[in-house]
Protein backbone atom coordinates (compact mmCIF):
# COMPACT_ATOMS: atom_id res chain seq x y z
CA MET A 1 135.10 115.89 146.90
CA ALA A 2 132.97 117.68 149.50
CA ALA A 3 136.06 118.71 151.47
CA LYS A 4 137.70 120.04 148.30
CA ALA A 5 134.59 122.06 147.45
CA MET A 6 134.44 123.42 151.01
CA LYS A 7 138.10 124.46 150.82
CA LYS A 8 137.49 126.25 147.49
CA SER A 9 134.41 127.98 148.90
CA GLY A 10 136.34 129.07 151.99
CA ALA A 11 139.19 130.49 149.91
CA ALA A 12 136.75 132.48 147.74
CA LEU A 13 135.04 133.87 150.85
CA GLU A 14 138.39 134.87 152.35
CA LYS A 15 139.28 136.67 149.12
CA LEU A 16 135.95 138.50 149.20
CA ARG A 17 136.61 139.59 152.79
CA ALA A 18 140.04 140.84 151.72
CA ASP A 19 138.53 142.72 148.76
CA ILE A 20 136.10 144.53 151.06
CA LYS A 21 138.70 145.23 153.74
CA SER A 22 141.10 146.73 151.19
CA GLY A 23 138.32 148.74 149.54
CA SER A 24 139.21 147.19 146.18
CA PRO A 25 136.46 144.82 145.05
CA GLU A 26 136.56 142.92 141.78
CA ASN A 27 134.52 144.21 138.86
CA VAL A 28 132.39 141.06 138.53
CA TYR A 29 131.22 138.50 141.09
CA ILE A 30 128.94 135.51 140.99
CA PHE A 31 127.22 134.82 144.35
CA TYR A 32 125.58 131.43 144.75
CA GLY A 33 124.93 128.76 147.36
CA GLU A 34 122.37 127.91 150.02
CA GLU A 35 123.67 130.12 152.85
CA THR A 36 121.68 133.22 151.95
CA TYR A 37 122.38 134.90 155.31
CA LEU A 38 126.09 135.15 154.48
CA ARG A 39 125.39 136.15 150.89
CA ASP A 40 123.12 139.01 151.93
CA ARG A 41 125.57 140.13 154.61
CA TYR A 42 128.44 140.47 152.14
CA LEU A 43 126.18 142.11 149.57
CA GLU A 44 125.31 144.74 152.18
CA GLU A 45 129.00 145.25 152.98
CA LEU A 46 129.79 145.82 149.30
CA LYS A 47 126.87 148.21 149.01
CA ALA A 48 128.07 150.16 152.05
CA LEU A 49 131.57 150.30 150.56
CA LEU A 50 130.59 151.38 147.04
CA VAL A 51 127.36 153.36 147.27
CA PRO A 52 127.20 156.52 149.41
CA GLU A 53 124.13 156.67 151.64
CA GLY A 54 121.40 158.72 150.00
CA PHE A 55 122.60 158.04 146.45
CA GLU A 56 121.28 154.49 146.05
CA GLU A 57 118.67 155.57 143.51
CA PHE A 58 121.38 156.75 141.12
CA ASN A 59 124.24 154.33 141.77
CA TYR A 60 122.70 151.05 142.98
CA HIS A 61 120.93 149.18 140.18
CA ARG A 62 118.99 145.97 140.89
CA LEU A 63 117.96 143.90 137.89
CA SER A 64 115.99 140.70 137.54
CA GLY A 65 117.42 138.11 135.19
CA LYS A 66 113.94 137.19 133.96
CA GLY A 67 113.41 138.89 130.62
CA LEU A 68 116.64 140.87 130.91
CA THR A 69 118.29 141.61 127.58
CA VAL A 70 122.02 141.96 127.11
CA GLN A 71 121.40 145.48 125.77
CA ASP A 72 119.58 146.44 128.98
CA LEU A 73 122.48 145.08 131.03
CA THR A 74 125.02 146.96 128.91
CA GLU A 75 123.22 150.27 129.39
CA VAL A 76 123.08 149.88 133.18
CA VAL A 77 126.70 148.75 133.48
CA GLU A 78 127.94 151.67 131.39
CA ALA A 79 125.86 154.28 133.25
CA MET A 80 128.23 156.74 134.93
CA PRO A 81 128.07 157.18 138.72
CA MET A 82 126.35 160.30 139.98
CA MET A 83 128.11 162.27 142.72
CA ALA A 84 130.03 159.14 143.64
CA GLN A 85 133.02 157.13 142.45
CA HIS A 86 131.30 153.79 141.90
CA THR A 87 128.14 152.07 140.78
CA LEU A 88 126.87 148.70 141.98
CA VAL A 89 124.72 146.45 139.79
CA THR A 90 123.05 143.25 140.99
CA VAL A 91 121.46 140.80 138.57
CA THR A 92 119.34 138.07 140.16
CA ASP A 93 118.75 134.69 138.54
CA LEU A 94 120.12 135.28 135.05
CA ASP A 95 120.87 131.78 133.75
CA ILE A 96 123.87 132.66 131.61
CA PHE A 97 124.29 129.10 130.37
CA LYS A 98 120.84 129.23 128.76
CA LEU A 99 121.52 132.37 126.74
CA ASP A 100 121.41 131.84 122.98
CA MET A 101 124.67 132.01 121.07
CA SER A 102 124.34 135.68 120.12
CA ALA A 103 123.42 136.81 123.64
CA ARG A 104 126.16 134.62 125.09
CA GLY A 105 128.76 136.32 122.89
CA ALA A 106 127.49 139.75 123.91
CA PHE A 107 127.54 138.70 127.57
CA ILE A 108 131.19 137.66 127.25
CA GLU A 109 131.99 141.10 125.80
CA ILE A 110 130.27 142.79 128.75
CA ILE A 111 132.10 140.90 131.51
CA SER A 112 135.39 141.29 129.64
CA ASP A 113 135.14 145.10 129.64
CA ILE A 114 133.36 146.26 132.79
CA PRO A 115 134.14 149.95 133.49
CA GLU A 116 136.52 150.50 136.41
CA TYR A 117 133.85 152.40 138.32
CA CYS A 118 131.33 149.53 138.17
CA THR A 119 130.97 146.34 140.21
CA VAL A 120 128.46 143.76 138.94
CA ILE A 121 127.19 140.89 141.09
CA PHE A 122 125.24 138.04 139.52
CA ILE A 123 123.16 136.48 142.29
CA TYR A 124 121.72 132.99 142.02
CA ASP A 125 118.75 132.60 144.34
CA LEU A 126 115.90 130.58 142.79
CA VAL A 127 117.97 129.54 139.77
CA ALA A 128 120.82 127.13 140.47
CA TYR A 129 124.28 128.12 139.28
CA LYS A 130 125.93 125.24 137.44
CA ARG A 131 128.66 125.56 134.86
CA ASP A 132 128.25 123.92 131.47
CA GLY A 133 131.72 122.78 130.42
CA LYS A 134 130.60 122.46 126.80
CA MET A 135 130.44 126.26 126.51
CA LYS A 136 134.19 126.67 126.53
CA LYS A 137 134.36 130.35 125.55
CA LEU A 138 131.91 131.34 128.28
CA VAL A 139 133.69 129.22 130.90
CA ALA A 140 137.05 130.71 129.88
CA ALA A 141 135.64 134.24 130.17
CA LEU A 142 134.27 133.44 133.63
CA ASP A 143 137.65 132.07 134.73
CA GLU A 144 139.42 135.21 133.51
CA HIS A 145 137.05 137.99 134.53
CA VAL A 146 134.68 136.78 137.26
CA ARG A 147 135.19 135.96 140.93
CA GLU A 148 132.83 133.15 141.94
CA VAL A 149 131.84 132.98 145.61
CA GLU A 150 129.85 130.03 146.93
CA PHE A 151 128.04 130.59 150.21
CA CYS A 152 127.72 127.13 151.69
CA GLN A 153 127.01 125.77 155.16
CA GLN A 154 129.73 126.68 157.65
CA ASP A 155 131.56 124.14 159.79
CA ARG A 156 130.51 123.35 163.36
CA GLU A 157 133.23 125.32 165.18
CA LEU A 158 132.54 128.49 163.24
CA LEU A 159 128.80 128.09 163.79
CA LEU A 160 129.22 127.59 167.53
CA ARG A 161 131.24 130.83 167.77
CA TRP A 162 128.69 132.65 165.63
CA ILE A 163 125.76 131.41 167.73
CA LYS A 164 127.54 132.58 170.88
CA ARG A 165 128.11 136.03 169.35
CA ARG A 166 124.47 136.31 168.27
CA PHE A 167 123.24 135.52 171.77
CA ALA A 168 125.78 137.92 173.28
CA ALA A 169 124.45 140.67 171.00
CA ASP A 170 121.03 140.06 172.58
CA GLY A 171 122.50 140.18 176.09
CA HIS A 172 122.54 136.42 176.68
CA ASP A 173 125.05 133.61 176.95
CA ILE A 174 124.87 130.03 175.66
CA ASP A 175 127.10 127.06 176.42
CA ALA A 176 128.53 124.75 173.78
CA ALA A 177 126.23 121.82 174.61
CA THR A 178 123.10 123.97 174.26
CA ALA A 179 124.41 125.51 171.04
CA ASP A 180 125.06 122.01 169.70
CA HIS A 181 121.49 121.05 170.57
CA LEU A 182 120.27 124.12 168.67
CA LEU A 183 122.26 122.97 165.62
CA PHE A 184 120.86 119.45 165.93
CA THR A 185 117.30 120.73 166.24
CA CYS A 186 117.31 123.54 163.67
CA GLY A 187 120.00 122.52 161.18
CA SER A 188 123.24 124.27 160.33
CA LEU A 189 122.12 127.03 157.97
CA MET A 190 122.62 130.48 159.47
CA THR A 191 119.58 131.60 157.47
CA ASP A 192 117.39 129.17 159.45
CA LEU A 193 119.18 129.58 162.77
CA LEU A 194 118.85 133.36 162.98
CA PRO A 195 115.07 133.52 163.62
CA GLU A 196 115.32 130.65 166.12
CA ILE A 197 118.05 132.48 168.04
CA GLY A 198 115.77 135.51 168.10
CA LYS A 199 112.89 133.47 169.52
CA VAL A 200 115.05 131.90 172.24
CA SER A 201 116.54 135.29 173.17
CA ALA A 202 113.08 136.87 173.37
CA PHE A 203 111.83 134.03 175.57
CA ALA A 204 114.91 134.23 177.85
């Protein structure tokens, strides 16, 4: 089961990379998972792709899910871009499976008809993202209109290459055995490894 989930997560991440490389992102994403370093990195890449520097105030809208109404979300999503071709909207920790029936129906309408100029990313940080199969209409709408990307721990070989690149960026080298020891000592989350790599590089 874990291997199947990892394969699905990897395929979604590859598709996201392809979306960014082609300059043609989806209209709606859900970002979730424990590897926040990767999540934030790809969020920054999408921002750089969609929002011209200097126009963030007009075209990059960051919303908190707490207390957010569907009407508020609709107004932001439908806001036209200013001196740009796209808008980017992030919504953090909106538990869509706890919306009441009316709000859930309105939410489905929103994600089913996102303007072409808008990309919306629902980010799950403190709130866990877990589908409720009983809400069949919502699940069907997610399957049809939303690209889910899970940012999970990366495998050992990828992490070893990444660690080597991070040290090289700081002007240092690291052998595989030492990198493995770093993984054993600090864990395999990039989010946790990054500050430790910085400390070691500064000491070296």
